[in-house]
Amino acid sequence: MLPYPKIDPVIFKIGPFQVRWYGLMYLVSFLACLFLCRYQLKERGREDLYPFLENLLFYSFIGLILGARLGFCFFYYPDYFLSHPEEIIAIWKGGMSFHGGAIGAILTGYLYIKKKGESFLYWADLVVVPAPLGLFFGRIGNFINGEIYGKPTNLPWAMIFPEGGPIPRHPVQLYESLVTGLFLFLLLWSLRKKNWKEGTKLALFLILYGILRFLFEFLREPGQSFSLFFGWMTMGQVLCLLMIGSGLGLLLYLRRN
């Protein structure tokens, strides 16, 4: 068993103002995505698109934050938040949904791109390549917070999480950060120069992340996976199936057009 490194989730605070590791991970993710998207544009000789990219990422980031919070509230706890709407804005209490964030980022990005008369699929393929790095840093933030821990296990790398009782558990946050984050990023980065139809990389990300996240849900503590369907399927897995279906649907659309 490995010891859980108890890191204070708060980096520093001044009065009521706090800077937390989890929030810092969002900022690092944004900067990494900006840098790597600029790098891709430079490879294509399109440095003139830097201003458009910066605006696109800014609006998409806002959409991601709003979508992640609203997704958490209404995908997982609709009854509670409909009864306590004032709690929706209490982001400092925790609670963000990847699927909600993805929907928010895609929607705001789509609206901005279409307003400017650009190709949505072109920009989606560009941005989705470094997107898994956000998952990598985000899960590291979850690990520091001691949340989204896994089921009990006797594996030698199991850890005892502060909120998980005295039982060794899967550090599933680290599994996801390495596989759905780092591995998926390296795969997409290696494919970034492929001359595929616009939208293919987006579809590939939707399918691969959906499959990997679906599988990792089996290792999460059921109490943290929220609603169960058919006695075994979590809300996260339902959303992953919709994600996989969207990716397959996009591939079919691209093939027919």
C-alpha atoms as a PDB file:
ATOM      1  CA  MET A   1       0.000   0.000   0.000  1.00  0.00           C
ATOM      2  CA  LEU A   2       1.206   3.515  -0.818  1.00  0.00           C
ATOM      3  CA  PRO A   3       0.707   6.431   1.566  1.00  0.00           C
ATOM      4  CA  TYR A   4      -1.712   9.080   0.354  1.00  0.00           C
ATOM      5  CA  PRO A   5       0.189  12.397   0.132  1.00  0.00           C
ATOM      6  CA  LYS A   6      -1.945  14.787   2.135  1.00  0.00           C
ATOM      7  CA  ILE A   7      -1.549  18.033   0.209  1.00  0.00           C
ATOM      8  CA  ASP A   8      -3.533  21.049   1.376  1.00  0.00           C
ATOM      9  CA  PRO A   9      -6.066  21.769  -1.410  1.00  0.00           C
ATOM     10  CA  VAL A  10      -5.619  25.484  -0.683  1.00  0.00           C
ATOM     11  CA  ILE A  11      -2.323  26.896  -1.962  1.00  0.00           C
ATOM     12  CA  PHE A  12      -2.772  30.140  -0.059  1.00  0.00           C
ATOM     13  CA  LYS A  13      -5.532  32.423   1.146  1.00  0.00           C
ATOM     14  CA  ILE A  14      -5.906  36.089   1.924  1.00  0.00           C
ATOM     15  CA  GLY A  15      -8.929  36.657   4.111  1.00  0.00           C
ATOM     16  CA  PRO A  16     -11.903  34.938   2.409  1.00  0.00           C
ATOM     17  CA  PHE A  17      -9.997  34.719  -0.897  1.00  0.00           C
ATOM     18  CA  GLN A  18      -8.481  31.302  -1.622  1.00  0.00           C
ATOM     19  CA  VAL A  19      -6.284  29.958  -4.390  1.00  0.00           C
ATOM     20  CA  ARG A  20      -6.802  26.222  -4.681  1.00  0.00           C
ATOM     21  CA  TRP A  21      -4.833  23.587  -6.567  1.00  0.00           C
ATOM     22  CA  TYR A  22      -7.954  22.456  -8.421  1.00  0.00           C
ATOM     23  CA  GLY A  23      -8.578  25.943  -9.774  1.00  0.00           C
ATOM     24  CA  LEU A  24      -4.919  26.292 -10.719  1.00  0.00           C
ATOM     25  CA  MET A  25      -5.230  23.109 -12.778  1.00  0.00           C
ATOM     26  CA  TYR A  26      -7.897  24.783 -14.925  1.00  0.00           C
ATOM     27  CA  LEU A  27      -5.567  27.702 -15.593  1.00  0.00           C
ATOM     28  CA  VAL A  28      -2.629  25.417 -16.431  1.00  0.00           C
ATOM     29  CA  SER A  29      -4.881  23.416 -18.769  1.00  0.00           C
ATOM     30  CA  PHE A  30      -5.982  26.580 -20.583  1.00  0.00           C
ATOM     31  CA  LEU A  31      -2.402  27.798 -21.043  1.00  0.00           C
ATOM     32  CA  ALA A  32      -1.206  24.379 -22.250  1.00  0.00           C
ATOM     33  CA  CYS A  33      -4.048  24.211 -24.777  1.00  0.00           C
ATOM     34  CA  LEU A  34      -3.277  27.750 -25.990  1.00  0.00           C
ATOM     35  CA  PHE A  35       0.431  27.007 -26.424  1.00  0.00           C
ATOM     36  CA  LEU A  36      -0.099  23.711 -28.275  1.00  0.00           C
ATOM     37  CA  CYS A  37      -2.827  25.102 -30.521  1.00  0.00           C
ATOM     38  CA  ARG A  38      -0.554  28.002 -31.448  1.00  0.00           C
ATOM     39  CA  TYR A  39       2.178  25.454 -32.178  1.00  0.00           C
ATOM     40  CA  GLN A  40      -0.140  23.590 -34.555  1.00  0.00           C
ATOM     41  CA  LEU A  41      -1.073  26.796 -36.351  1.00  0.00           C
ATOM     42  CA  LYS A  42       2.619  27.652 -36.700  1.00  0.00           C
ATOM     43  CA  GLU A  43       3.239  24.212 -38.240  1.00  0.00           C
ATOM     44  CA  ARG A  44       0.541  25.054 -40.788  1.00  0.00           C
ATOM     45  CA  GLY A  45       1.956  28.496 -41.472  1.00  0.00           C
ATOM     46  CA  ARG A  46      -1.162  30.179 -40.084  1.00  0.00           C
ATOM     47  CA  GLU A  47       0.213  32.483 -37.411  1.00  0.00           C
ATOM     48  CA  ASP A  48      -2.300  35.059 -38.667  1.00  0.00           C
ATOM     49  CA  LEU A  49      -5.003  33.020 -36.889  1.00  0.00           C
ATOM     50  CA  TYR A  50      -3.493  33.502 -33.414  1.00  0.00           C
ATOM     51  CA  PRO A  51      -5.967  36.272 -32.423  1.00  0.00           C
ATOM     52  CA  PHE A  52      -8.937  34.164 -33.525  1.00  0.00           C
ATOM     53  CA  LEU A  53      -7.601  31.187 -31.582  1.00  0.00           C
ATOM     54  CA  GLU A  54      -7.135  33.225 -28.413  1.00  0.00           C
ATOM     55  CA  ASN A  55     -10.698  34.551 -28.558  1.00  0.00           C
ATOM     56  CA  LEU A  56     -12.057  31.096 -29.338  1.00  0.00           C
ATOM     57  CA  LEU A  57     -10.299  29.512 -26.354  1.00  0.00           C
ATOM     58  CA  PHE A  58     -11.381  32.339 -24.050  1.00  0.00           C
ATOM     59  CA  TYR A  59     -15.082  31.920 -24.881  1.00  0.00           C
ATOM     60  CA  SER A  60     -14.814  28.133 -24.877  1.00  0.00           C
ATOM     61  CA  PHE A  61     -13.159  28.226 -21.454  1.00  0.00           C
ATOM     62  CA  ILE A  62     -16.036  30.276 -20.064  1.00  0.00           C
ATOM     63  CA  GLY A  63     -18.477  27.808 -21.594  1.00  0.00           C
ATOM     64  CA  LEU A  64     -16.508  24.932 -20.095  1.00  0.00           C
ATOM     65  CA  ILE A  65     -16.708  26.354 -16.562  1.00  0.00           C
ATOM     66  CA  LEU A  66     -20.420  27.119 -16.811  1.00  0.00           C
ATOM     67  CA  GLY A  67     -21.201  23.794 -18.460  1.00  0.00           C
ATOM     68  CA  ALA A  68     -19.144  21.804 -15.963  1.00  0.00           C
ATOM     69  CA  ARG A  69     -21.025  23.331 -13.033  1.00  0.00           C
ATOM     70  CA  LEU A  70     -24.484  23.107 -14.593  1.00  0.00           C
ATOM     71  CA  GLY A  71     -23.770  19.555 -15.733  1.00  0.00           C
ATOM     72  CA  PHE A  72     -22.857  18.530 -12.204  1.00  0.00           C
ATOM     73  CA  CYS A  73     -25.984  20.170 -10.801  1.00  0.00           C
ATOM     74  CA  PHE A  74     -28.516  18.844 -13.276  1.00  0.00           C
ATOM     75  CA  PHE A  75     -27.018  15.579 -14.532  1.00  0.00           C
ATOM     76  CA  TYR A  76     -26.453  14.268 -11.022  1.00  0.00           C
ATOM     77  CA  TYR A  77     -28.489  16.226  -8.445  1.00  0.00           C
ATOM     78  CA  PRO A  78     -31.377  17.936 -10.267  1.00  0.00           C
ATOM     79  CA  ASP A  79     -33.855  17.599  -7.391  1.00  0.00           C
ATOM     80  CA  TYR A  80     -31.528  19.215  -4.874  1.00  0.00           C
ATOM     81  CA  PHE A  81     -30.415  22.132  -7.050  1.00  0.00           C
ATOM     82  CA  LEU A  82     -33.923  22.857  -8.318  1.00  0.00           C
ATOM     83  CA  SER A  83     -34.923  23.144  -4.661  1.00  0.00           C
ATOM     84  CA  HIS A  84     -31.788  25.162  -3.767  1.00  0.00           C
ATOM     85  CA  PRO A  85     -30.985  27.247  -6.878  1.00  0.00           C
ATOM     86  CA  GLU A  86     -28.752  29.578  -4.861  1.00  0.00           C
ATOM     87  CA  GLU A  87     -26.313  26.664  -4.476  1.00  0.00           C
ATOM     88  CA  ILE A  88     -25.727  26.439  -8.224  1.00  0.00           C
ATOM     89  CA  ILE A  89     -23.164  29.248  -8.128  1.00  0.00           C
ATOM     90  CA  ALA A  90     -21.332  27.795  -5.093  1.00  0.00           C
ATOM     91  CA  ILE A  91     -18.443  26.433  -7.176  1.00  0.00           C
ATOM     92  CA  TRP A  92     -16.106  26.775  -4.196  1.00  0.00           C
ATOM     93  CA  LYS A  93     -17.970  23.885  -2.568  1.00  0.00           C
ATOM     94  CA  GLY A  94     -16.879  21.568  -5.375  1.00  0.00           C
ATOM     95  CA  GLY A  95     -18.810  19.765  -8.064  1.00  0.00           C
ATOM     96  CA  MET A  96     -17.846  19.921 -11.753  1.00  0.00           C
ATOM     97  CA  SER A  97     -18.838  17.556 -14.554  1.00  0.00           C
ATOM     98  CA  PHE A  98     -16.537  16.729 -17.463  1.00  0.00           C
ATOM     99  CA  HIS A  99     -19.443  15.957 -19.770  1.00  0.00           C
ATOM    100  CA  GLY A 100     -21.184  19.202 -18.896  1.00  0.00           C
ATOM    101  CA  GLY A 101     -17.941  21.093 -19.438  1.00  0.00           C
ATOM    102  CA  ALA A 102     -17.450  19.459 -22.832  1.00  0.00           C
ATOM    103  CA  ILE A 103     -20.966  20.424 -23.909  1.00  0.00           C
ATOM    104  CA  GLY A 104     -20.469  23.986 -22.708  1.00  0.00           C
ATOM    105  CA  ALA A 105     -17.100  24.379 -24.448  1.00  0.00           C
ATOM    106  CA  ILE A 106     -18.349  22.880 -27.721  1.00  0.00           C
ATOM    107  CA  LEU A 107     -21.517  24.986 -27.725  1.00  0.00           C
ATOM    108  CA  THR A 108     -19.830  28.314 -27.019  1.00  0.00           C
ATOM    109  CA  GLY A 109     -17.012  27.470 -29.421  1.00  0.00           C
ATOM    110  CA  TYR A 110     -19.502  26.546 -32.149  1.00  0.00           C
ATOM    111  CA  LEU A 111     -21.441  29.789 -31.744  1.00  0.00           C
ATOM    112  CA  TYR A 112     -18.283  31.898 -31.888  1.00  0.00           C
ATOM    113  CA  ILE A 113     -16.843  30.042 -34.876  1.00  0.00           C
ATOM    114  CA  LYS A 114     -20.085  30.262 -36.863  1.00  0.00           C
ATOM    115  CA  LYS A 115     -20.458  33.949 -36.028  1.00  0.00           C
ATOM    116  CA  LYS A 116     -17.027  34.532 -37.574  1.00  0.00           C
ATOM    117  CA  GLY A 117     -17.810  32.379 -40.611  1.00  0.00           C
ATOM    118  CA  GLU A 118     -15.104  29.801 -39.907  1.00  0.00           C
ATOM    119  CA  SER A 119     -15.207  25.986 -40.133  1.00  0.00           C
ATOM    120  CA  PHE A 120     -16.269  24.433 -36.845  1.00  0.00           C
ATOM    121  CA  LEU A 121     -14.778  21.026 -37.645  1.00  0.00           C
ATOM    122  CA  TYR A 122     -11.419  22.552 -38.612  1.00  0.00           C
ATOM    123  CA  TRP A 123     -11.095  24.301 -35.266  1.00  0.00           C
ATOM    124  CA  ALA A 124     -12.549  21.388 -33.313  1.00  0.00           C
ATOM    125  CA  ASP A 125      -9.850  19.098 -34.721  1.00  0.00           C
ATOM    126  CA  LEU A 126      -7.194  21.630 -33.764  1.00  0.00           C
ATOM    127  CA  VAL A 127      -8.368  22.181 -30.178  1.00  0.00           C
ATOM    128  CA  VAL A 128      -9.234  18.569 -29.393  1.00  0.00           C
ATOM    129  CA  VAL A 129      -5.624  17.416 -29.837  1.00  0.00           C
ATOM    130  CA  PRO A 130      -4.334  19.053 -26.615  1.00  0.00           C
ATOM    131  CA  ALA A 131      -7.709  18.792 -24.833  1.00  0.00           C
ATOM    132  CA  PRO A 132      -6.782  15.562 -22.948  1.00  0.00           C
ATOM    133  CA  LEU A 133      -4.109  17.513 -21.086  1.00  0.00           C
ATOM    134  CA  GLY A 134      -6.978  19.272 -19.341  1.00  0.00           C
ATOM    135  CA  LEU A 135      -8.168  15.860 -18.193  1.00  0.00           C
ATOM    136  CA  PHE A 136      -4.668  15.041 -16.988  1.00  0.00           C
ATOM    137  CA  PHE A 137      -4.368  18.165 -14.847  1.00  0.00           C
ATOM    138  CA  GLY A 138      -7.998  17.993 -13.735  1.00  0.00           C
ATOM    139  CA  ARG A 139      -7.659  14.497 -12.323  1.00  0.00           C
ATOM    140  CA  ILE A 140      -4.482  15.529 -10.539  1.00  0.00           C
ATOM    141  CA  GLY A 141      -6.591  18.225  -8.923  1.00  0.00           C
ATOM    142  CA  ASN A 142      -9.184  15.621  -7.924  1.00  0.00           C
ATOM    143  CA  PHE A 143      -6.405  13.526  -6.404  1.00  0.00           C
ATOM    144  CA  ILE A 144      -5.138  16.449  -4.337  1.00  0.00           C
ATOM    145  CA  ASN A 145      -8.700  17.065  -3.150  1.00  0.00           C
ATOM    146  CA  GLY A 146      -9.015  13.386  -2.186  1.00  0.00           C
ATOM    147  CA  GLU A 147     -12.202  13.038  -4.248  1.00  0.00           C
ATOM    148  CA  ILE A 148     -13.391  10.581  -6.908  1.00  0.00           C
ATOM    149  CA  TYR A 149     -11.455   7.777  -5.230  1.00  0.00           C
ATOM    150  CA  GLY A 150     -11.897   4.149  -6.241  1.00  0.00           C
ATOM    151  CA  LYS A 151     -13.298   0.943  -4.834  1.00  0.00           C
ATOM    152  CA  PRO A 152     -11.461  -1.084  -2.172  1.00  0.00           C
ATOM    153  CA  THR A 153      -8.505  -3.110  -3.415  1.00  0.00           C
ATOM    154  CA  ASN A 154      -5.499  -5.064  -2.135  1.00  0.00           C
ATOM    155  CA  LEU A 155      -3.170  -3.968  -4.925  1.00  0.00           C
ATOM    156  CA  PRO A 156       0.238  -2.746  -3.733  1.00  0.00           C
ATOM    157  CA  TRP A 157      -0.416   0.810  -4.979  1.00  0.00           C
ATOM    158  CA  ALA A 158      -3.743   1.163  -3.135  1.00  0.00           C
ATOM    159  CA  MET A 159      -4.169   4.228  -0.940  1.00  0.00           C
ATOM    160  CA  ILE A 160      -6.273   5.224   2.036  1.00  0.00           C
ATOM    161  CA  PHE A 161      -8.105   8.449   1.212  1.00  0.00           C
ATOM    162  CA  PRO A 162      -9.176  10.802   4.032  1.00  0.00           C
ATOM    163  CA  GLU A 163     -12.840  10.706   3.004  1.00  0.00           C
ATOM    164  CA  GLY A 164     -12.843   7.026   2.065  1.00  0.00           C
ATOM    165  CA  GLY A 165     -12.516   5.490   5.506  1.00  0.00           C
ATOM    166  CA  PRO A 166      -9.692   3.185   6.671  1.00  0.00           C
ATOM    167  CA  ILE A 167      -9.909   0.941   3.591  1.00  0.00           C
ATOM    168  CA  PRO A 168      -7.195   0.901   0.867  1.00  0.00           C
ATOM    169  CA  ARG A 169      -8.683   1.971  -2.456  1.00  0.00           C
ATOM    170  CA  HIS A 170      -7.836   2.353  -6.134  1.00  0.00           C
ATOM    171  CA  PRO A 171      -6.272   5.775  -6.846  1.00  0.00           C
ATOM    172  CA  VAL A 172      -8.561   5.934  -9.838  1.00  0.00           C
ATOM    173  CA  GLN A 173      -7.889   9.646 -10.298  1.00  0.00           C
ATOM    174  CA  LEU A 174      -4.285   8.779 -11.201  1.00  0.00           C
ATOM    175  CA  TYR A 175      -5.397   5.986 -13.528  1.00  0.00           C
ATOM    176  CA  GLU A 176      -7.594   8.420 -15.428  1.00  0.00           C
ATOM    177  CA  SER A 177      -5.013  11.197 -15.471  1.00  0.00           C
ATOM    178  CA  LEU A 178      -2.486   8.861 -17.086  1.00  0.00           C
ATOM    179  CA  VAL A 179      -4.791   7.033 -19.510  1.00  0.00           C
ATOM    180  CA  THR A 180      -7.606   9.407 -20.504  1.00  0.00           C
ATOM    181  CA  GLY A 181      -5.252  12.349 -20.043  1.00  0.00           C
ATOM    182  CA  LEU A 182      -1.609  11.774 -20.880  1.00  0.00           C
ATOM    183  CA  PHE A 183      -1.953   8.663 -23.078  1.00  0.00           C
ATOM    184  CA  LEU A 184      -4.850  10.076 -25.094  1.00  0.00           C
ATOM    185  CA  PHE A 185      -3.003  13.362 -25.575  1.00  0.00           C
ATOM    186  CA  LEU A 186       0.142  11.603 -26.832  1.00  0.00           C
ATOM    187  CA  LEU A 187      -1.944   9.530 -29.232  1.00  0.00           C
ATOM    188  CA  LEU A 188      -3.800  12.525 -30.670  1.00  0.00           C
ATOM    189  CA  TRP A 189      -0.605  14.572 -30.825  1.00  0.00           C
ATOM    190  CA  SER A 190       1.062  11.843 -32.882  1.00  0.00           C
ATOM    191  CA  LEU A 191      -1.903  11.987 -35.299  1.00  0.00           C
ATOM    192  CA  ARG A 192      -2.166  15.774 -35.543  1.00  0.00           C
ATOM    193  CA  LYS A 193      -0.627  15.940 -39.042  1.00  0.00           C
ATOM    194  CA  LYS A 194      -2.871  13.267 -40.534  1.00  0.00           C
ATOM    195  CA  ASN A 195      -4.661  14.628 -43.573  1.00  0.00           C
ATOM    196  CA  TRP A 196      -8.067  13.273 -42.579  1.00  0.00           C
ATOM    197  CA  LYS A 197     -11.448  14.813 -43.208  1.00  0.00           C
ATOM    198  CA  GLU A 198     -12.161  17.703 -40.873  1.00  0.00           C
ATOM    199  CA  GLY A 199     -13.925  16.388 -37.791  1.00  0.00           C
ATOM    200  CA  THR A 200     -12.215  12.989 -37.738  1.00  0.00           C
ATOM    201  CA  LYS A 201      -9.964  13.833 -34.788  1.00  0.00           C
ATOM    202  CA  LEU A 202     -12.933  15.190 -32.855  1.00  0.00           C
ATOM    203  CA  ALA A 203     -14.851  11.970 -33.497  1.00  0.00           C
ATOM    204  CA  LEU A 204     -11.835   9.878 -32.466  1.00  0.00           C
ATOM    205  CA  PHE A 205     -11.534  11.760 -29.182  1.00  0.00           C
ATOM    206  CA  LEU A 206     -15.245  11.377 -28.402  1.00  0.00           C
ATOM    207  CA  ILE A 207     -15.128   7.633 -29.031  1.00  0.00           C
ATOM    208  CA  LEU A 208     -11.854   6.855 -27.263  1.00  0.00           C
ATOM    209  CA  TYR A 209     -12.495   8.998 -24.209  1.00  0.00           C
ATOM    210  CA  GLY A 210     -16.037   7.663 -23.957  1.00  0.00           C
ATOM    211  CA  ILE A 211     -14.825   4.058 -23.981  1.00  0.00           C
ATOM    212  CA  LEU A 212     -11.972   4.620 -21.518  1.00  0.00           C
ATOM    213  CA  ARG A 213     -14.065   6.649 -19.078  1.00  0.00           C
ATOM    214  CA  PHE A 214     -16.864   4.052 -19.282  1.00  0.00           C
ATOM    215  CA  LEU A 215     -14.406   1.361 -18.201  1.00  0.00           C
ATOM    216  CA  PHE A 216     -12.857   3.399 -15.390  1.00  0.00           C
ATOM    217  CA  GLU A 217     -16.309   4.029 -13.935  1.00  0.00           C
ATOM    218  CA  PHE A 218     -16.308   0.384 -12.830  1.00  0.00           C
ATOM    219  CA  LEU A 219     -13.384   1.164 -10.520  1.00  0.00           C
ATOM    220  CA  ARG A 220     -14.933   4.230  -8.920  1.00  0.00           C
ATOM    221  CA  GLU A 221     -16.605   4.027  -5.549  1.00  0.00           C
ATOM    222  CA  PRO A 222     -20.336   3.588  -6.340  1.00  0.00           C
ATOM    223  CA  GLY A 223     -21.266   6.170  -3.729  1.00  0.00           C
ATOM    224  CA  GLN A 224     -19.373   8.730  -5.785  1.00  0.00           C
ATOM    225  CA  SER A 225     -20.733   7.600  -9.113  1.00  0.00           C
ATOM    226  CA  PHE A 226     -24.212   8.857  -8.273  1.00  0.00           C
ATOM    227  CA  SER A 227     -27.322   7.362  -9.867  1.00  0.00           C
ATOM    228  CA  LEU A 228     -27.242   3.739 -10.957  1.00  0.00           C
ATOM    229  CA  PHE A 229     -29.197   2.432 -13.951  1.00  0.00           C
ATOM    230  CA  PHE A 230     -30.131  -1.225 -14.389  1.00  0.00           C
ATOM    231  CA  GLY A 231     -28.453  -1.823 -11.034  1.00  0.00           C
ATOM    232  CA  TRP A 232     -24.907  -1.298 -12.363  1.00  0.00           C
ATOM    233  CA  MET A 233     -24.637   1.568 -14.858  1.00  0.00           C
ATOM    234  CA  THR A 234     -23.749   5.015 -13.510  1.00  0.00           C
ATOM    235  CA  MET A 235     -24.859   8.376 -14.853  1.00  0.00           C
ATOM    236  CA  GLY A 236     -21.260   8.892 -15.985  1.00  0.00           C
ATOM    237  CA  GLN A 237     -21.475   5.729 -18.085  1.00  0.00           C
ATOM    238  CA  VAL A 238     -24.779   6.806 -19.625  1.00  0.00           C
ATOM    239  CA  LEU A 239     -23.165  10.094 -20.651  1.00  0.00           C
ATOM    240  CA  CYS A 240     -20.164   8.175 -22.020  1.00  0.00           C
ATOM    241  CA  LEU A 241     -22.458   6.074 -24.201  1.00  0.00           C
ATOM    242  CA  LEU A 242     -23.983   9.264 -25.592  1.00  0.00           C
ATOM    243  CA  MET A 243     -20.461  10.557 -26.200  1.00  0.00           C
ATOM    244  CA  ILE A 244     -19.438   7.369 -28.045  1.00  0.00           C
ATOM    245  CA  GLY A 245     -22.644   7.500 -30.077  1.00  0.00           C
ATOM    246  CA  SER A 246     -21.945  11.126 -31.028  1.00  0.00           C
ATOM    247  CA  GLY A 247     -18.454  10.221 -32.189  1.00  0.00           C
ATOM    248  CA  LEU A 248     -19.695   7.293 -34.266  1.00  0.00           C
ATOM    249  CA  GLY A 249     -22.475   9.436 -35.695  1.00  0.00           C
ATOM    250  CA  LEU A 250     -19.947  12.095 -36.706  1.00  0.00           C
ATOM    251  CA  LEU A 251     -17.761   9.493 -38.415  1.00  0.00           C
ATOM    252  CA  LEU A 252     -20.772   8.210 -40.353  1.00  0.00           C
ATOM    253  CA  TYR A 253     -21.686  11.748 -41.349  1.00  0.00           C
ATOM    254  CA  LEU A 254     -18.134  12.429 -42.564  1.00  0.00           C
ATOM    255  CA  ARG A 255     -18.077   9.203 -44.522  1.00  0.00           C
ATOM    256  CA  ARG A 256     -21.336  10.059 -46.296  1.00  0.00           C
ATOM    257  CA  ASN A 257     -20.248  13.609 -47.069  1.00  0.00           C
END
